[in-house]
Full PDB file with SEQRES, HELIX, SHEET, SSBOND, CRYST1, ORIGX, SCALE, CONECT and MASTER records, all heavy atoms in Angstrom:
SEQRES   1 A   30  GLY LEU ALA ALA GLY ALA MET SER MET ALA ALA GLY GLU          
SEQRES   2 A   30  TYR VAL SER VAL SER SER GLN ALA ASP THR GLU ARG ALA          
SEQRES   3 A   30  ASP ILE ARG ARG                                              
HELIX    1 AA1 LEU A    2  ARG A   29  1                                  28    
CRYST1    1.000    1.000    1.000  90.00  90.00  90.00 P 1           1          
ORIGX1      1.000000  0.000000  0.000000        0.00000                         
ORIGX2      0.000000  1.000000  0.000000        0.00000                         
ORIGX3      0.000000  0.000000  1.000000        0.00000                         
SCALE1      1.000000  0.000000  0.000000        0.00000                         
SCALE2      0.000000  1.000000  0.000000        0.00000                         
SCALE3      0.000000  0.000000  1.000000        0.00000                         
ATOM      1  N   GLY A   1      -4.210  21.804  -0.980  1.00  0.00           N  
ATOM      2  CA  GLY A   1      -4.763  20.683  -0.211  1.00  0.00           C  
ATOM      3  C   GLY A   1      -5.179  19.535  -1.103  1.00  0.00           C  
ATOM      4  O   GLY A   1      -4.966  18.362  -0.761  1.00  0.00           O  
ATOM      5  N   LEU A   2      -5.753  19.852  -2.259  1.00  0.00           N  
ATOM      6  CA  LEU A   2      -6.178  18.806  -3.196  1.00  0.00           C  
ATOM      7  C   LEU A   2      -4.977  18.029  -3.731  1.00  0.00           C  
ATOM      8  O   LEU A   2      -4.968  16.792  -3.714  1.00  0.00           O  
ATOM      9  CB  LEU A   2      -6.955  19.448  -4.349  1.00  0.00           C  
ATOM     10  CG  LEU A   2      -7.654  18.519  -5.346  1.00  0.00           C  
ATOM     11  CD1 LEU A   2      -8.820  19.256  -6.015  1.00  0.00           C  
ATOM     12  CD2 LEU A   2      -6.708  18.011  -6.427  1.00  0.00           C  
ATOM     13  N   ALA A   3      -3.952  18.754  -4.189  1.00  0.00           N  
ATOM     14  CA  ALA A   3      -2.784  18.086  -4.761  1.00  0.00           C  
ATOM     15  C   ALA A   3      -2.040  17.258  -3.712  1.00  0.00           C  
ATOM     16  O   ALA A   3      -1.697  16.088  -3.944  1.00  0.00           O  
ATOM     17  CB  ALA A   3      -1.847  19.125  -5.371  1.00  0.00           C  
ATOM     18  N   ALA A   4      -1.803  17.872  -2.555  1.00  0.00           N  
ATOM     19  CA  ALA A   4      -1.068  17.160  -1.505  1.00  0.00           C  
ATOM     20  C   ALA A   4      -1.857  15.962  -1.001  1.00  0.00           C  
ATOM     21  O   ALA A   4      -1.303  14.881  -0.770  1.00  0.00           O  
ATOM     22  CB  ALA A   4      -0.766  18.114  -0.349  1.00  0.00           C  
ATOM     23  N   GLY A   5      -3.158  16.152  -0.833  1.00  0.00           N  
ATOM     24  CA  GLY A   5      -3.992  15.066  -0.330  1.00  0.00           C  
ATOM     25  C   GLY A   5      -4.075  13.901  -1.297  1.00  0.00           C  
ATOM     26  O   GLY A   5      -4.001  12.738  -0.895  1.00  0.00           O  
ATOM     27  N   ALA A   6      -4.213  14.199  -2.590  1.00  0.00           N  
ATOM     28  CA  ALA A   6      -4.302  13.131  -3.585  1.00  0.00           C  
ATOM     29  C   ALA A   6      -3.016  12.312  -3.619  1.00  0.00           C  
ATOM     30  O   ALA A   6      -3.050  11.075  -3.665  1.00  0.00           O  
ATOM     31  CB  ALA A   6      -4.585  13.726  -4.967  1.00  0.00           C  
ATOM     32  N   MET A   7      -1.877  12.998  -3.593  1.00  0.00           N  
ATOM     33  CA  MET A   7      -0.595  12.278  -3.608  1.00  0.00           C  
ATOM     34  C   MET A   7      -0.404  11.475  -2.319  1.00  0.00           C  
ATOM     35  O   MET A   7       0.098  10.349  -2.339  1.00  0.00           O  
ATOM     36  CB  MET A   7       0.552  13.272  -3.775  1.00  0.00           C  
ATOM     37  CG  MET A   7       0.581  13.968  -5.130  1.00  0.00           C  
ATOM     38  SD  MET A   7       0.683  12.803  -6.533  1.00  0.00           S  
ATOM     39  CE  MET A   7      -1.036  12.722  -7.077  1.00  0.00           C  
ATOM     40  N   SER A   8      -0.810  12.074  -1.212  1.00  0.00           N  
ATOM     41  CA  SER A   8      -0.677  11.383   0.069  1.00  0.00           C  
ATOM     42  C   SER A   8      -1.549  10.135   0.128  1.00  0.00           C  
ATOM     43  O   SER A   8      -1.121   9.069   0.580  1.00  0.00           O  
ATOM     44  CB  SER A   8      -1.042  12.329   1.214  1.00  0.00           C  
ATOM     45  OG  SER A   8      -0.998  11.667   2.460  1.00  0.00           O  
ATOM     46  N   MET A   9      -2.795  10.254  -0.363  1.00  0.00           N  
ATOM     47  CA  MET A   9      -3.693   9.110  -0.356  1.00  0.00           C  
ATOM     48  C   MET A   9      -3.175   8.011  -1.265  1.00  0.00           C  
ATOM     49  O   MET A   9      -3.204   6.826  -0.909  1.00  0.00           O  
ATOM     50  CB  MET A   9      -5.088   9.542  -0.822  1.00  0.00           C  
ATOM     51  CG  MET A   9      -5.844  10.412   0.166  1.00  0.00           C  
ATOM     52  SD  MET A   9      -6.241   9.573   1.713  1.00  0.00           S  
ATOM     53  CE  MET A   9      -7.323   8.286   1.127  1.00  0.00           C  
ATOM     54  N   ALA A  10      -2.680   8.390  -2.440  1.00  0.00           N  
ATOM     55  CA  ALA A  10      -2.161   7.393  -3.374  1.00  0.00           C  
ATOM     56  C   ALA A  10      -0.965   6.674  -2.784  1.00  0.00           C  
ATOM     57  O   ALA A  10      -0.877   5.432  -2.827  1.00  0.00           O  
ATOM     58  CB  ALA A  10      -1.787   8.053  -4.703  1.00  0.00           C  
ATOM     59  N   ALA A  11      -0.046   7.445  -2.227  1.00  0.00           N  
ATOM     60  CA  ALA A  11       1.150   6.834  -1.639  1.00  0.00           C  
ATOM     61  C   ALA A  11       0.786   5.956  -0.447  1.00  0.00           C  
ATOM     62  O   ALA A  11       1.313   4.846  -0.293  1.00  0.00           O  
ATOM     63  CB  ALA A  11       2.132   7.922  -1.216  1.00  0.00           C  
ATOM     64  N   GLY A  12      -0.112   6.454   0.398  1.00  0.00           N  
ATOM     65  CA  GLY A  12      -0.507   5.688   1.573  1.00  0.00           C  
ATOM     66  C   GLY A  12      -1.192   4.383   1.209  1.00  0.00           C  
ATOM     67  O   GLY A  12      -0.912   3.331   1.793  1.00  0.00           O  
ATOM     68  N   GLU A  13      -2.107   4.449   0.249  1.00  0.00           N  
ATOM     69  CA  GLU A  13      -2.789   3.230  -0.196  1.00  0.00           C  
ATOM     70  C   GLU A  13      -1.800   2.243  -0.802  1.00  0.00           C  
ATOM     71  O   GLU A  13      -1.851   1.044  -0.536  1.00  0.00           O  
ATOM     72  CB  GLU A  13      -3.878   3.572  -1.221  1.00  0.00           C  
ATOM     73  CG  GLU A  13      -5.142   4.133  -0.624  1.00  0.00           C  
ATOM     74  CD  GLU A  13      -5.954   3.076   0.120  1.00  0.00           C  
ATOM     75  OE1 GLU A  13      -5.743   1.877  -0.106  1.00  0.00           O  
ATOM     76  OE2 GLU A  13      -6.797   3.466   0.947  1.00  0.00           O  
ATOM     77  N   TYR A  14      -0.896   2.757  -1.647  1.00  0.00           N  
ATOM     78  CA  TYR A  14       0.051   1.860  -2.313  1.00  0.00           C  
ATOM     79  C   TYR A  14       0.953   1.164  -1.298  1.00  0.00           C  
ATOM     80  O   TYR A  14       1.167  -0.052  -1.370  1.00  0.00           O  
ATOM     81  CB  TYR A  14       0.906   2.635  -3.313  1.00  0.00           C  
ATOM     82  CG  TYR A  14       1.752   1.738  -4.176  1.00  0.00           C  
ATOM     83  CD1 TYR A  14       1.244   1.187  -5.345  1.00  0.00           C  
ATOM     84  CD2 TYR A  14       3.061   1.412  -3.814  1.00  0.00           C  
ATOM     85  CE1 TYR A  14       2.003   0.341  -6.129  1.00  0.00           C  
ATOM     86  CE2 TYR A  14       3.829   0.570  -4.591  1.00  0.00           C  
ATOM     87  CZ  TYR A  14       3.296   0.038  -5.757  1.00  0.00           C  
ATOM     88  OH  TYR A  14       4.053  -0.807  -6.512  1.00  0.00           O  
ATOM     89  N   VAL A  15       1.461   1.927  -0.345  1.00  0.00           N  
ATOM     90  CA  VAL A  15       2.365   1.350   0.657  1.00  0.00           C  
ATOM     91  C   VAL A  15       1.633   0.356   1.554  1.00  0.00           C  
ATOM     92  O   VAL A  15       2.120  -0.748   1.810  1.00  0.00           O  
ATOM     93  CB  VAL A  15       3.007   2.467   1.510  1.00  0.00           C  
ATOM     94  CG1 VAL A  15       3.756   1.874   2.696  1.00  0.00           C  
ATOM     95  CG2 VAL A  15       3.958   3.297   0.655  1.00  0.00           C  
ATOM     96  N   SER A  16       0.446   0.726   2.031  1.00  0.00           N  
ATOM     97  CA  SER A  16      -0.267  -0.148   2.960  1.00  0.00           C  
ATOM     98  C   SER A  16      -0.749  -1.422   2.270  1.00  0.00           C  
ATOM     99  O   SER A  16      -0.636  -2.524   2.826  1.00  0.00           O  
ATOM    100  CB  SER A  16      -1.455   0.589   3.588  1.00  0.00           C  
ATOM    101  OG  SER A  16      -2.398   0.956   2.600  1.00  0.00           O  
ATOM    102  N   VAL A  17      -1.281  -1.283   1.049  1.00  0.00           N  
ATOM    103  CA  VAL A  17      -1.760  -2.466   0.344  1.00  0.00           C  
ATOM    104  C   VAL A  17      -0.589  -3.326  -0.122  1.00  0.00           C  
ATOM    105  O   VAL A  17      -0.698  -4.554  -0.187  1.00  0.00           O  
ATOM    106  CB  VAL A  17      -2.673  -2.063  -0.837  1.00  0.00           C  
ATOM    107  CG1 VAL A  17      -3.143  -3.293  -1.604  1.00  0.00           C  
ATOM    108  CG2 VAL A  17      -3.884  -1.297  -0.320  1.00  0.00           C  
ATOM    109  N   SER A  18       0.544  -2.697  -0.434  1.00  0.00           N  
ATOM    110  CA  SER A  18       1.739  -3.469  -0.781  1.00  0.00           C  
ATOM    111  C   SER A  18       2.200  -4.302   0.403  1.00  0.00           C  
ATOM    112  O   SER A  18       2.625  -5.457   0.232  1.00  0.00           O  
ATOM    113  CB  SER A  18       2.868  -2.535  -1.226  1.00  0.00           C  
ATOM    114  OG  SER A  18       2.566  -1.914  -2.455  1.00  0.00           O  
ATOM    115  N   SER A  19       2.112  -3.742   1.603  1.00  0.00           N  
ATOM    116  CA  SER A  19       2.468  -4.506   2.805  1.00  0.00           C  
ATOM    117  C   SER A  19       1.545  -5.707   2.966  1.00  0.00           C  
ATOM    118  O   SER A  19       1.979  -6.805   3.322  1.00  0.00           O  
ATOM    119  CB  SER A  19       2.384  -3.601   4.040  1.00  0.00           C  
ATOM    120  OG  SER A  19       3.320  -2.547   3.955  1.00  0.00           O  
ATOM    121  N   GLN A  20       0.258  -5.488   2.697  1.00  0.00           N  
ATOM    122  CA  GLN A  20      -0.696  -6.599   2.754  1.00  0.00           C  
ATOM    123  C   GLN A  20      -0.345  -7.662   1.714  1.00  0.00           C  
ATOM    124  O   GLN A  20      -0.373  -8.867   2.007  1.00  0.00           O  
ATOM    125  CB  GLN A  20      -2.111  -6.082   2.502  1.00  0.00           C  
ATOM    126  CG  GLN A  20      -3.174  -7.175   2.494  1.00  0.00           C  
ATOM    127  CD  GLN A  20      -4.549  -6.646   2.127  1.00  0.00           C  
ATOM    128  OE1 GLN A  20      -4.809  -5.448   2.209  1.00  0.00           O  
ATOM    129  NE2 GLN A  20      -5.427  -7.535   1.705  1.00  0.00           N  
ATOM    130  N   ALA A  21      -0.003  -7.216   0.495  1.00  0.00           N  
ATOM    131  CA  ALA A  21       0.352  -8.158  -0.561  1.00  0.00           C  
ATOM    132  C   ALA A  21       1.615  -8.935  -0.210  1.00  0.00           C  
ATOM    133  O   ALA A  21       1.729 -10.133  -0.489  1.00  0.00           O  
ATOM    134  CB  ALA A  21       0.542  -7.410  -1.885  1.00  0.00           C  
ATOM    135  N   ASP A  22       2.584  -8.263   0.424  1.00  0.00           N  
ATOM    136  CA  ASP A  22       3.816  -8.942   0.842  1.00  0.00           C  
ATOM    137  C   ASP A  22       3.512 -10.040   1.856  1.00  0.00           C  
ATOM    138  O   ASP A  22       4.077 -11.139   1.797  1.00  0.00           O  
ATOM    139  CB  ASP A  22       4.795  -7.935   1.455  1.00  0.00           C  
ATOM    140  CG  ASP A  22       5.374  -6.987   0.418  1.00  0.00           C  
ATOM    141  OD1 ASP A  22       5.282  -7.296  -0.785  1.00  0.00           O  
ATOM    142  OD2 ASP A  22       5.908  -5.930   0.818  1.00  0.00           O  
ATOM    143  N   THR A  23       2.612  -9.732   2.784  1.00  0.00           N  
ATOM    144  CA  THR A  23       2.224 -10.721   3.790  1.00  0.00           C  
ATOM    145  C   THR A  23       1.538 -11.914   3.144  1.00  0.00           C  
ATOM    146  O   THR A  23       1.784 -13.069   3.501  1.00  0.00           O  
ATOM    147  CB  THR A  23       1.295 -10.075   4.834  1.00  0.00           C  
ATOM    148  OG1 THR A  23       1.971  -8.976   5.454  1.00  0.00           O  
ATOM    149  CG2 THR A  23       0.890 -11.078   5.902  1.00  0.00           C  
ATOM    150  N   GLU A  24       0.654 -11.634   2.189  1.00  0.00           N  
ATOM    151  CA  GLU A  24      -0.042 -12.715   1.491  1.00  0.00           C  
ATOM    152  C   GLU A  24       0.947 -13.608   0.742  1.00  0.00           C  
ATOM    153  O   GLU A  24       0.853 -14.845   0.801  1.00  0.00           O  
ATOM    154  CB  GLU A  24      -1.076 -12.124   0.524  1.00  0.00           C  
ATOM    155  CG  GLU A  24      -2.242 -11.440   1.212  1.00  0.00           C  
ATOM    156  CD  GLU A  24      -3.174 -10.761   0.236  1.00  0.00           C  
ATOM    157  OE1 GLU A  24      -2.882 -10.809  -0.991  1.00  0.00           O  
ATOM    158  OE2 GLU A  24      -4.184 -10.178   0.665  1.00  0.00           O  
ATOM    159  N   ARG A  25       1.893 -12.991   0.034  1.00  0.00           N  
ATOM    160  CA  ARG A  25       2.881 -13.778  -0.713  1.00  0.00           C  
ATOM    161  C   ARG A  25       3.756 -14.617   0.218  1.00  0.00           C  
ATOM    162  O   ARG A  25       4.100 -15.757  -0.099  1.00  0.00           O  
ATOM    163  CB  ARG A  25       3.749 -12.851  -1.567  1.00  0.00           C  
ATOM    164  CG  ARG A  25       3.058 -12.354  -2.830  1.00  0.00           C  
ATOM    165  CD  ARG A  25       4.047 -11.699  -3.770  1.00  0.00           C  
ATOM    166  NE  ARG A  25       4.558 -10.454  -3.223  1.00  0.00           N  
ATOM    167  CZ  ARG A  25       4.024  -9.265  -3.465  1.00  0.00           C  
ATOM    168  NH1 ARG A  25       2.962  -9.157  -4.250  1.00  0.00           N  
ATOM    169  NH2 ARG A  25       4.543  -8.173  -2.947  1.00  0.00           N  
ATOM    170  N   ALA A  26       4.103 -14.035   1.380  1.00  0.00           N  
ATOM    171  CA  ALA A  26       4.921 -14.776   2.339  1.00  0.00           C  
ATOM    172  C   ALA A  26       4.166 -15.997   2.871  1.00  0.00           C  
ATOM    173  O   ALA A  26       4.745 -17.086   3.018  1.00  0.00           O  
ATOM    174  CB  ALA A  26       5.333 -13.865   3.494  1.00  0.00           C  
ATOM    175  N   ASP A  27       2.884 -15.822   3.149  1.00  0.00           N  
ATOM    176  CA  ASP A  27       2.076 -16.950   3.629  1.00  0.00           C  
ATOM    177  C   ASP A  27       1.944 -18.029   2.553  1.00  0.00           C  
ATOM    178  O   ASP A  27       1.987 -19.225   2.842  1.00  0.00           O  
ATOM    179  CB  ASP A  27       0.686 -16.462   4.060  1.00  0.00           C  
ATOM    180  CG  ASP A  27       0.638 -16.105   5.536  1.00  0.00           C  
ATOM    181  OD1 ASP A  27       1.560 -16.501   6.268  1.00  0.00           O  
ATOM    182  OD2 ASP A  27      -0.319 -15.426   5.942  1.00  0.00           O  
ATOM    183  N   ILE A  28       1.763 -17.596   1.323  1.00  0.00           N  
ATOM    184  CA  ILE A  28       1.658 -18.567   0.222  1.00  0.00           C  
ATOM    185  C   ILE A  28       2.959 -19.338   0.072  1.00  0.00           C  
ATOM    186  O   ILE A  28       2.952 -20.557  -0.154  1.00  0.00           O  
ATOM    187  CB  ILE A  28       1.296 -17.840  -1.085  1.00  0.00           C  
ATOM    188  CG1 ILE A  28      -0.140 -17.286  -0.997  1.00  0.00           C  
ATOM    189  CG2 ILE A  28       1.419 -18.781  -2.284  1.00  0.00           C  
ATOM    190  CD1 ILE A  28      -0.527 -16.399  -2.158  1.00  0.00           C  
ATOM    191  N   ARG A  29       4.081 -18.644   0.198  1.00  0.00           N  
ATOM    192  CA  ARG A  29       5.374 -19.320   0.101  1.00  0.00           C  
ATOM    193  C   ARG A  29       5.539 -20.333   1.218  1.00  0.00           C  
ATOM    194  O   ARG A  29       6.047 -21.452   0.997  1.00  0.00           O  
ATOM    195  CB  ARG A  29       6.495 -18.279   0.151  1.00  0.00           C  
ATOM    196  CG  ARG A  29       7.910 -18.855   0.103  1.00  0.00           C  
ATOM    197  CD  ARG A  29       8.121 -19.699  -1.120  1.00  0.00           C  
ATOM    198  NE  ARG A  29       9.454 -20.288  -1.145  1.00  0.00           N  
ATOM    199  CZ  ARG A  29       9.807 -21.309  -1.897  1.00  0.00           C  
ATOM    200  NH1 ARG A  29       8.913 -21.883  -2.702  1.00  0.00           N  
ATOM    201  NH2 ARG A  29      11.037 -21.771  -1.869  1.00  0.00           N  
ATOM    202  N   ARG A  30       5.095 -19.995   2.433  1.00  0.00           N  
ATOM    203  CA  ARG A  30       5.200 -20.945   3.552  1.00  0.00           C  
ATOM    204  C   ARG A  30       4.339 -22.185   3.298  1.00  0.00           C  
ATOM    205  O   ARG A  30       4.737 -23.310   3.628  1.00  0.00           O  
ATOM    206  CB  ARG A  30       4.792 -20.261   4.860  1.00  0.00           C  
ATOM    207  CG  ARG A  30       5.896 -19.376   5.459  1.00  0.00           C  
ATOM    208  CD  ARG A  30       5.562 -18.958   6.884  1.00  0.00           C  
ATOM    209  NE  ARG A  30       4.483 -17.978   6.906  1.00  0.00           N  
ATOM    210  CZ  ARG A  30       4.688 -16.667   6.850  1.00  0.00           C  
ATOM    211  NH1 ARG A  30       5.914 -16.184   6.740  1.00  0.00           N  
ATOM    212  NH2 ARG A  30       3.674 -15.820   6.893  1.00  0.00           N  
TER     213      ARG A  30                                                      
MASTER        0    0    0    1    0    0    0    6  212    1    0    3          
END                                                                             
């Protein structure tokens, strides 16, 4: 549970925050 949860949290945070960063960059470009 510890290993799976840590990897899941890391992946989830990276993907979700990357989506936020993509949105921010797109707005800046506009």
